[in-house]
Amino acid sequence: MTVFLSLAFLAAILTHVGCSNQRRSPENGGRRYSRIQYGQCAYTFILPEHDGNCRESRTDQYNTNALQRDAPHVEPDFSSQKLQHLEHVLENYTQWLQKIENYVVENMKSEMAQIQQNAVQNHTATMLEIGTSLLSQSAEQTRKLTDVETQMLNQTSRLEIQLLENSLSTYKLEKQLLQQTNEILKIHEKNSLLEHKILELEGKHKEELDTLKEEKETLQGLVTRQTYIIQELGKQLNRATTNNSVLQKQQLELTDTVHNLVNLFTKEGVLLKGGKKEEPFRDCADVYQAGFNKSGIYTIYINNMPEPKKVFCNMDLNGGGWTVIQHREDGSVDFQRGWKEYKMGFGNPSGEYWLGNEFIFAMTSQRQYTLRIQLMDWEGNQAYSQYDRFHIGNEKQNYR
């Protein structure tokens, strides 16, 4: 701020330099500088210099803008007038300087207060902006820290859970390892016992082998002797079988002769046993009822059959009178036959044979029959199955 003041013999230029410690050196050109320090602010006043001639015109000396005191004009000498004039000038300078100083002080107080207020406001606004920015940054950083903390907590929780799971797994594995170790120890103990027992068994086995070798040698001698004896017995059995076959053949011939005679007597109407007519045997039941109680081969006459049929009658099984329709014993007869052979029968009634489907159909058509299936294994164990009502169909019905 710059203030201009004009007087008759005084002109002052006030320059507000500002709050600074900077000093300016005096300049040439007929001017004088006056400096006032107020706090941290310095004020410099530029005053004009007089040319040294104190004799001035009266008109100039009594200018209406001057503030000097009025005094009667005296014509002193040149030195006294000059001195008085200088004193008046100095006194006026001093008064004006005091007024200027008071003016500066009063104006500067309000200006300094305004400057300070503006500075405070600017500082406050800046601080508010900085505070707002800091608050925003703090909030953002707080949010980021919260997110990081949440992530860290989540990560820590996951790590704790994984650590707990790993601890549990480790505990289970340690427990299983301990169990396996105990089982391995038990297995080692069992293996030791088994090895000991195996060694004992090997010793016993060796002893038994030695004993068996001795027994084998003894048995081989016995087998040799028994083989010789069996061979001799076989020869004797063959001779006895040959004789038995001859006897069986003779018995069959005699039986056939008897049956032929009976049939002959029946056909000619010969009366036997008190004049009663003898009827032909339809099955082994009739033979048994006629008084024949020994098992063997008999000739029966089946209804609707053109020729008689030789069958084996079992008189010992379950009361006797059983007509044997099939007999298998040693596999001497092949039963893998065709339809015709199974129809008419095959084999020998004295051994393995099949009576024939046609004869079984004709016989079961005569009257009611019971079927008994008798089985016996190689060890002599027997079993049977019995059906109280038995009959089969004819050839057209496939003998079912």
Protein backbone atom coordinates (compact mmCIF):
# COMPACT_ATOMS: atom_id res chain seq x y z
CA MET A 1 0.00 0.00 0.00
CA THR A 2 1.34 3.44 -0.88
CA VAL A 3 0.26 6.75 0.80
CA PHE A 4 0.97 10.19 -0.77
CA LEU A 5 0.96 13.36 1.44
CA SER A 6 1.68 16.91 0.15
CA LEU A 7 2.51 20.04 2.17
CA ALA A 8 3.88 23.44 1.25
CA PHE A 9 7.44 22.51 1.89
CA LEU A 10 6.94 18.83 2.66
CA ALA A 11 6.12 15.91 0.41
CA ALA A 12 6.22 12.46 1.80
CA ILE A 13 5.81 9.22 -0.05
CA LEU A 14 4.98 6.26 2.11
CA THR A 15 5.73 2.92 0.66
CA HIS A 16 4.56 -0.32 2.27
CA VAL A 17 7.35 -2.64 1.65
CA GLY A 18 5.80 -5.63 3.49
CA CYS A 19 6.82 -7.89 6.27
CA SER A 20 10.39 -8.48 5.26
CA ASN A 21 13.85 -8.01 6.64
CA GLN A 22 15.16 -6.82 3.30
CA ARG A 23 16.82 -3.34 3.32
CA ARG A 24 17.33 -1.01 0.40
CA SER A 25 20.33 1.25 0.08
CA PRO A 26 19.69 5.00 -0.27
CA GLU A 27 19.36 6.27 -3.80
CA ASN A 28 20.78 9.46 -5.28
CA GLY A 29 18.63 12.19 -6.80
CA GLY A 30 17.97 14.60 -3.93
CA ARG A 31 15.83 12.35 -1.75
CA ARG A 32 16.23 11.17 1.85
CA TYR A 33 14.98 7.85 3.24
CA SER A 34 13.49 7.31 6.69
CA ARG A 35 12.87 3.72 7.93
CA ILE A 36 10.44 2.63 10.71
CA GLN A 37 10.46 -0.95 12.11
CA TYR A 38 7.08 -2.28 13.39
CA GLY A 39 7.23 -5.84 14.55
CA GLN A 40 8.38 -7.99 11.68
CA CYS A 41 7.32 -5.35 9.14
CA ALA A 42 9.52 -2.43 8.04
CA TYR A 43 8.27 0.86 6.53
CA THR A 44 10.45 3.20 4.45
CA PHE A 45 9.54 6.87 3.89
CA ILE A 46 11.07 8.91 1.03
CA LEU A 47 11.50 12.61 1.89
CA PRO A 48 12.66 15.39 -0.51
CA GLU A 49 15.88 17.26 0.18
CA HIS A 50 16.02 21.17 0.26
CA ASP A 51 18.59 23.02 -1.83
CA GLY A 52 19.93 24.85 1.27
CA ASN A 53 18.50 28.31 0.43
CA CYS A 54 16.37 29.35 3.37
CA ARG A 55 15.37 32.55 1.78
CA GLU A 56 12.06 31.93 0.24
CA SER A 57 9.32 34.20 -0.80
CA ARG A 58 6.70 35.09 1.71
CA THR A 59 4.02 33.69 -0.48
CA ASP A 60 5.77 30.35 -0.55
CA GLN A 61 6.54 30.58 3.12
CA TYR A 62 2.93 30.96 4.18
CA ASN A 63 1.26 28.25 2.08
CA THR A 64 -2.17 27.31 3.27
CA ASN A 65 -1.26 23.59 3.25
CA ALA A 66 1.49 24.06 5.85
CA LEU A 67 0.94 22.99 9.41
CA GLN A 68 3.64 25.13 11.03
CA ARG A 69 2.88 27.63 13.70
CA ASP A 70 2.19 31.26 12.76
CA ALA A 71 4.71 33.74 14.09
CA PRO A 72 5.36 37.40 13.44
CA HIS A 73 7.78 38.02 10.72
CA VAL A 74 11.11 39.06 12.06
CA GLU A 75 14.02 39.87 10.04
CA PRO A 76 16.70 38.07 11.86
CA ASP A 77 19.97 37.54 10.48
CA PHE A 78 20.51 34.90 7.93
CA SER A 79 21.88 32.24 10.32
CA SER A 80 19.16 32.64 12.94
CA GLN A 81 16.43 32.54 10.34
CA LYS A 82 17.92 29.53 8.77
CA LEU A 83 18.15 27.77 12.11
CA GLN A 84 14.60 28.66 13.07
CA HIS A 85 13.37 27.58 9.71
CA LEU A 86 15.15 24.27 10.07
CA GLU A 87 13.71 23.80 13.54
CA HIS A 88 10.21 24.46 12.23
CA VAL A 89 10.77 22.11 9.38
CA LEU A 90 12.16 19.47 11.71
CA GLU A 91 9.29 19.91 14.11
CA ASN A 92 6.82 19.62 11.24
CA TYR A 93 8.66 16.56 10.02
CA THR A 94 8.48 15.09 13.47
CA GLN A 95 4.75 15.76 13.80
CA TRP A 96 4.06 14.38 10.38
CA LEU A 97 6.16 11.36 11.09
CA GLN A 98 4.26 10.78 14.31
CA LYS A 99 0.92 11.16 12.51
CA ILE A 100 2.12 8.89 9.73
CA GLU A 101 3.35 6.43 12.27
CA ASN A 102 0.03 6.54 14.12
CA TYR A 103 -1.82 6.21 10.84
CA VAL A 104 0.38 3.35 9.79
CA VAL A 105 -0.01 1.68 13.18
CA GLU A 106 -3.81 2.10 13.16
CA ASN A 107 -4.21 0.98 9.55
CA MET A 108 -1.68 -1.75 9.93
CA LYS A 109 -3.49 -3.16 12.94
CA SER A 110 -6.68 -3.61 10.95
CA GLU A 111 -4.75 -4.76 7.89
CA MET A 112 -2.63 -7.11 9.98
CA ALA A 113 -5.78 -8.44 11.64
CA GLN A 114 -7.38 -8.86 8.20
CA ILE A 115 -4.21 -10.44 6.86
CA GLN A 116 -4.01 -12.71 9.88
CA GLN A 117 -7.72 -13.50 9.56
CA ASN A 118 -7.30 -14.22 5.85
CA ALA A 119 -4.20 -16.23 6.59
CA VAL A 120 -6.06 -18.13 9.31
CA GLN A 121 -9.02 -18.66 6.99
CA ASN A 122 -6.75 -19.74 4.17
CA HIS A 123 -4.80 -21.90 6.58
CA THR A 124 -8.04 -23.25 8.02
CA ALA A 125 -9.42 -23.99 4.55
CA THR A 126 -6.14 -25.60 3.59
CA MET A 127 -6.11 -27.55 6.81
CA LEU A 128 -9.73 -28.54 6.22
CA GLU A 129 -8.88 -29.69 2.71
CA ILE A 130 -5.82 -31.48 3.99
CA GLY A 131 -7.89 -32.92 6.87
CA THR A 132 -10.64 -34.00 4.48
CA SER A 133 -8.05 -35.56 2.20
CA LEU A 134 -6.37 -37.19 5.15
CA LEU A 135 -9.74 -38.43 6.43
CA SER A 136 -10.57 -39.82 2.99
CA GLN A 137 -7.16 -41.42 2.72
CA SER A 138 -7.45 -42.64 6.30
CA ALA A 139 -10.91 -44.09 5.57
CA GLU A 140 -9.59 -45.72 2.40
CA GLN A 141 -6.53 -47.03 4.21
CA THR A 142 -8.76 -48.17 7.07
CA ARG A 143 -11.02 -49.97 4.60
CA LYS A 144 -8.01 -51.54 2.92
CA LEU A 145 -6.57 -52.48 6.29
CA THR A 146 -9.96 -53.93 7.26
CA ASP A 147 -10.05 -55.93 4.02
CA VAL A 148 -6.49 -57.07 4.57
CA GLU A 149 -7.29 -57.91 8.17
CA THR A 150 -10.39 -59.83 7.06
CA GLN A 151 -8.35 -61.69 4.46
CA MET A 152 -5.68 -62.38 7.03
CA LEU A 153 -8.32 -63.63 9.48
CA ASN A 154 -9.87 -65.82 6.80
CA GLN A 155 -6.48 -67.09 5.75
CA THR A 156 -5.55 -67.64 9.36
CA SER A 157 -8.82 -69.50 9.95
CA ARG A 158 -8.21 -71.68 6.90
CA LEU A 159 -4.66 -72.32 8.01
CA GLU A 160 -5.85 -73.16 11.51
CA ILE A 161 -8.47 -75.54 10.09
CA GLN A 162 -5.89 -77.14 7.81
CA LEU A 163 -3.48 -77.36 10.70
CA LEU A 164 -6.17 -78.97 12.83
CA GLU A 165 -7.05 -81.40 10.04
CA ASN A 166 -3.37 -82.18 9.55
CA SER A 167 -3.00 -82.69 13.28
CA LEU A 168 -5.99 -85.06 13.30
CA SER A 169 -4.65 -86.89 10.26
CA THR A 170 -1.24 -87.10 11.87
CA TYR A 171 -2.80 -88.39 15.07
CA LYS A 172 -4.79 -90.99 13.15
CA LEU A 173 -1.72 -92.00 11.18
CA GLU A 174 0.32 -92.25 14.34
CA LYS A 175 -2.43 -94.34 15.92
CA GLN A 176 -2.63 -96.57 12.87
CA LEU A 177 1.15 -96.80 12.76
CA LEU A 178 1.17 -97.81 16.42
CA GLN A 179 -1.52 -100.41 15.75
CA GLN A 180 0.36 -101.69 12.73
CA THR A 181 3.54 -101.83 14.77
CA ASN A 182 1.75 -103.81 17.47
CA GLU A 183 0.28 -106.13 14.86
CA ILE A 184 3.69 -106.55 13.26
CA LEU A 185 5.15 -107.42 16.65
CA LYS A 186 2.34 -109.92 17.21
CA ILE A 187 2.93 -111.35 13.75
CA HIS A 188 6.65 -111.62 14.52
CA GLU A 189 5.83 -113.46 17.71
CA LYS A 190 3.43 -115.75 15.85
CA ASN A 191 6.04 -116.29 13.15
CA SER A 192 8.58 -117.20 15.79
CA LEU A 193 6.14 -119.67 17.34
CA LEU A 194 5.25 -121.03 13.91
CA GLU A 195 8.90 -121.38 12.98
CA HIS A 196 9.51 -123.23 16.21
CA LYS A 197 6.49 -125.46 15.58
CA ILE A 198 7.56 -125.97 11.97
CA LEU A 199 10.98 -127.05 13.14
CA GLU A 200 9.35 -129.44 15.57
CA LEU A 201 6.97 -130.69 12.86
CA GLU A 202 9.87 -131.12 10.47
CA GLY A 203 11.62 -133.24 13.05
CA LYS A 204 8.47 -135.25 13.68
CA HIS A 205 7.80 -135.45 9.95
CA LYS A 206 11.27 -136.75 9.35
CA GLU A 207 10.78 -139.35 12.03
CA GLU A 208 7.39 -140.27 10.59
CA LEU A 209 8.90 -140.48 7.11
CA ASP A 210 11.52 -142.84 8.38
CA THR A 211 8.81 -144.87 10.11
CA LEU A 212 6.67 -144.81 6.98
CA LYS A 213 9.58 -145.93 4.87
CA GLU A 214 10.04 -148.87 7.16
CA GLU A 215 6.31 -149.59 7.12
CA LYS A 216 6.28 -149.16 3.34
CA GLU A 217 8.97 -151.73 2.95
CA THR A 218 7.06 -154.05 5.29
CA LEU A 219 3.80 -153.42 3.41
CA GLN A 220 5.47 -153.97 0.08
CA GLY A 221 6.48 -157.40 1.31
CA LEU A 222 2.96 -158.03 2.53
CA VAL A 223 1.49 -156.76 -0.76
CA THR A 224 3.73 -159.08 -2.68
CA ARG A 225 2.56 -161.99 -0.62
CA GLN A 226 -1.08 -160.86 -0.75
CA THR A 227 -0.84 -160.41 -4.52
CA TYR A 228 0.28 -163.96 -4.89
CA ILE A 229 -2.53 -165.13 -2.60
CA ILE A 230 -5.09 -163.00 -4.50
CA GLN A 231 -3.94 -164.43 -7.79
CA GLU A 232 -4.42 -167.92 -6.43
CA LEU A 233 -7.83 -166.97 -5.08
CA GLY A 234 -8.73 -165.46 -8.44
CA LYS A 235 -7.89 -168.67 -10.17
CA GLN A 236 -10.02 -170.58 -7.70
CA LEU A 237 -12.84 -168.04 -8.13
CA ASN A 238 -12.71 -168.39 -11.89
CA ARG A 239 -13.00 -172.12 -11.56
CA ALA A 240 -15.90 -171.76 -9.11
CA THR A 241 -17.58 -169.19 -11.38
CA THR A 242 -17.31 -171.55 -14.30
CA ASN A 243 -18.90 -174.29 -12.27
CA ASN A 244 -21.58 -171.85 -11.01
CA SER A 245 -22.37 -170.74 -14.55
CA VAL A 246 -22.88 -174.34 -15.55
CA LEU A 247 -25.16 -174.86 -12.59
CA GLN A 248 -27.12 -171.66 -13.35
CA LYS A 249 -27.49 -172.76 -16.93
CA GLN A 250 -28.77 -176.13 -15.82
CA GLN A 251 -31.14 -174.41 -13.36
CA LEU A 252 -32.49 -172.16 -16.09
CA GLU A 253 -33.00 -175.12 -18.37
CA LEU A 254 -34.84 -176.99 -15.65
CA THR A 255 -36.96 -173.93 -14.86
CA ASP A 256 -37.85 -173.52 -18.51
CA THR A 257 -38.75 -177.18 -18.70
CA VAL A 258 -41.00 -176.87 -15.68
CA HIS A 259 -42.64 -173.75 -17.07
CA ASN A 260 -43.14 -175.40 -20.41
CA LEU A 261 -44.75 -178.36 -18.71
CA VAL A 262 -47.00 -176.05 -16.71
CA ASN A 263 -47.96 -174.17 -19.82
CA LEU A 264 -48.60 -177.40 -21.60
CA PHE A 265 -50.83 -178.62 -18.82
CA THR A 266 -52.64 -175.29 -18.80
CA LYS A 267 -53.33 -175.35 -22.51
CA GLU A 268 -54.63 -178.91 -22.40
CA GLY A 269 -56.88 -178.13 -19.45
CA VAL A 270 -55.13 -180.38 -16.99
CA LEU A 271 -56.47 -179.96 -13.45
CA LEU A 272 -53.94 -179.66 -10.66
CA LYS A 273 -54.27 -179.66 -6.88
CA GLY A 274 -57.65 -181.14 -6.41
CA GLY A 275 -59.07 -180.57 -9.82
CA LYS A 276 -58.58 -176.74 -10.00
CA LYS A 277 -57.52 -175.23 -13.31
CA GLU A 278 -54.05 -173.55 -13.20
CA GLU A 279 -54.04 -170.09 -14.82
CA PRO A 280 -50.86 -168.55 -16.42
CA PHE A 281 -48.75 -166.04 -14.41
CA ARG A 282 -49.40 -162.41 -15.38
CA ASP A 283 -46.56 -161.07 -13.22
CA CYS A 284 -44.29 -162.03 -10.35
CA ALA A 285 -47.08 -161.40 -7.87
CA ASP A 286 -48.98 -164.33 -9.40
CA VAL A 287 -45.82 -166.44 -9.21
CA TYR A 288 -45.37 -165.56 -5.53
CA GLN A 289 -49.02 -166.34 -4.78
CA ALA A 290 -48.62 -169.69 -6.57
CA GLY A 291 -46.11 -170.74 -3.94
CA PHE A 292 -42.81 -169.83 -5.56
CA ASN A 293 -40.88 -167.85 -2.91
CA LYS A 294 -37.33 -167.87 -4.27
CA SER A 295 -35.92 -165.04 -6.37
CA GLY A 296 -35.11 -166.02 -9.92
CA ILE A 297 -36.18 -165.96 -13.56
CA TYR A 298 -39.79 -166.82 -14.31
CA THR A 299 -41.93 -166.80 -17.45
CA ILE A 300 -45.04 -164.63 -17.38
CA TYR A 301 -47.90 -164.16 -19.83
CA ILE A 302 -48.86 -160.54 -20.26
CA ASN A 303 -52.25 -159.70 -21.71
CA ASN A 304 -52.36 -158.70 -25.37
CA MET A 305 -48.76 -159.88 -25.89
CA PRO A 306 -48.33 -162.71 -28.44
CA GLU A 307 -45.43 -164.39 -26.66
CA PRO A 308 -44.51 -165.04 -23.00
CA LYS A 309 -41.72 -162.96 -21.39
CA LYS A 310 -38.95 -164.06 -19.07
CA VAL A 311 -38.52 -161.73 -16.11
CA PHE A 312 -36.55 -161.69 -12.88
CA CYS A 313 -38.81 -161.96 -9.81
CA ASN A 314 -37.56 -160.62 -6.46
CA MET A 315 -39.20 -162.71 -3.74
CA ASP A 316 -37.12 -161.30 -0.84
CA LEU A 317 -37.76 -157.53 -1.01
CA ASN A 318 -40.62 -156.14 1.06
CA GLY A 319 -42.84 -159.28 1.08
CA GLY A 320 -41.80 -160.59 -2.37
CA GLY A 321 -43.63 -160.74 -5.69
CA TRP A 322 -41.77 -157.80 -7.31
CA THR A 323 -41.37 -157.87 -11.11
CA VAL A 324 -37.98 -156.34 -12.01
CA ILE A 325 -38.32 -154.08 -15.07
CA GLN A 326 -34.72 -152.73 -14.95
CA HIS A 327 -31.57 -153.97 -13.30
CA ARG A 328 -28.13 -152.28 -13.43
CA GLU A 329 -25.16 -153.45 -11.41
CA ASP A 330 -21.70 -153.52 -12.99
CA GLY A 331 -22.04 -151.69 -16.34
CA SER A 332 -21.68 -154.82 -18.39
CA VAL A 333 -24.66 -153.84 -20.59
CA ASP A 334 -24.72 -150.63 -22.63
CA PHE A 335 -27.93 -148.70 -21.97
CA GLN A 336 -27.26 -146.17 -24.74
CA ARG A 337 -29.83 -147.75 -27.08
CA GLY A 338 -32.39 -146.69 -29.66
CA TRP A 339 -36.17 -146.44 -29.56
CA LYS A 340 -36.81 -149.96 -30.88
CA GLU A 341 -34.57 -151.65 -28.35
CA TYR A 342 -36.12 -149.70 -25.47
CA LYS A 343 -39.53 -150.69 -26.87
CA MET A 344 -38.90 -154.45 -26.92
CA GLY A 345 -36.25 -154.62 -24.19
CA PHE A 346 -32.62 -155.79 -24.08
CA GLY A 347 -30.12 -157.55 -21.83
CA ASN A 348 -30.38 -160.78 -19.79
CA PRO A 349 -32.80 -161.09 -16.84
CA SER A 350 -30.09 -162.88 -14.87
CA GLY A 351 -27.87 -159.78 -15.10
CA GLU A 352 -28.35 -156.23 -16.37
CA TYR A 353 -31.41 -155.78 -18.57
CA TRP A 354 -34.40 -153.63 -19.54
CA LEU A 355 -37.85 -155.31 -19.72
CA GLY A 356 -39.14 -153.10 -22.58
CA ASN A 357 -41.62 -150.22 -22.78
CA GLU A 358 -44.22 -152.23 -24.68
CA PHE A 359 -44.25 -154.99 -22.05
CA ILE A 360 -44.39 -152.46 -19.19
CA PHE A 361 -47.36 -150.73 -20.90
CA ALA A 362 -49.20 -154.06 -21.39
CA MET A 363 -48.47 -155.20 -17.85
CA THR A 364 -49.55 -151.92 -16.16
CA SER A 365 -52.72 -151.99 -18.25
CA GLN A 366 -53.79 -155.27 -16.59
CA ARG A 367 -54.26 -153.94 -13.07
CA GLN A 368 -52.92 -151.42 -10.52
CA TYR A 369 -49.21 -151.63 -9.75
CA THR A 370 -46.76 -150.10 -7.28
CA LEU A 371 -43.35 -148.83 -8.50
CA ARG A 372 -40.33 -149.17 -6.21
CA ILE A 373 -36.91 -147.79 -7.14
CA GLN A 374 -34.16 -149.44 -5.08
CA LEU A 375 -30.63 -147.96 -5.02
CA MET A 376 -27.38 -149.17 -3.45
CA ASP A 377 -23.94 -147.51 -3.62
CA TRP A 378 -20.50 -149.12 -3.71
CA GLU A 379 -20.27 -149.03 0.08
CA GLY A 380 -23.50 -150.98 0.52
CA ASN A 381 -25.68 -148.02 1.58
CA GLN A 382 -29.26 -148.45 0.33
CA ALA A 383 -32.13 -146.07 -0.41
CA TYR A 384 -35.42 -146.40 -2.21
CA SER A 385 -38.41 -144.45 -3.49
CA GLN A 386 -41.88 -146.03 -3.77
CA TYR A 387 -44.94 -144.89 -5.79
CA ASP A 388 -48.25 -146.60 -4.94
CA ARG A 389 -49.89 -146.04 -8.36
CA PHE A 390 -47.84 -146.59 -11.54
CA HIS A 391 -48.67 -147.00 -15.22
CA ILE A 392 -47.42 -145.68 -18.59
CA GLY A 393 -49.07 -144.84 -21.91
CA ASN A 394 -48.76 -146.64 -25.25
CA GLU A 395 -46.30 -145.98 -28.05
CA LYS A 396 -48.45 -143.24 -29.55
CA GLN A 397 -48.22 -141.47 -26.21
CA ASN A 398 -44.44 -142.03 -26.19
CA TYR A 399 -44.88 -144.37 -23.19
CA ARG A 400 -45.49 -141.48 -20.84
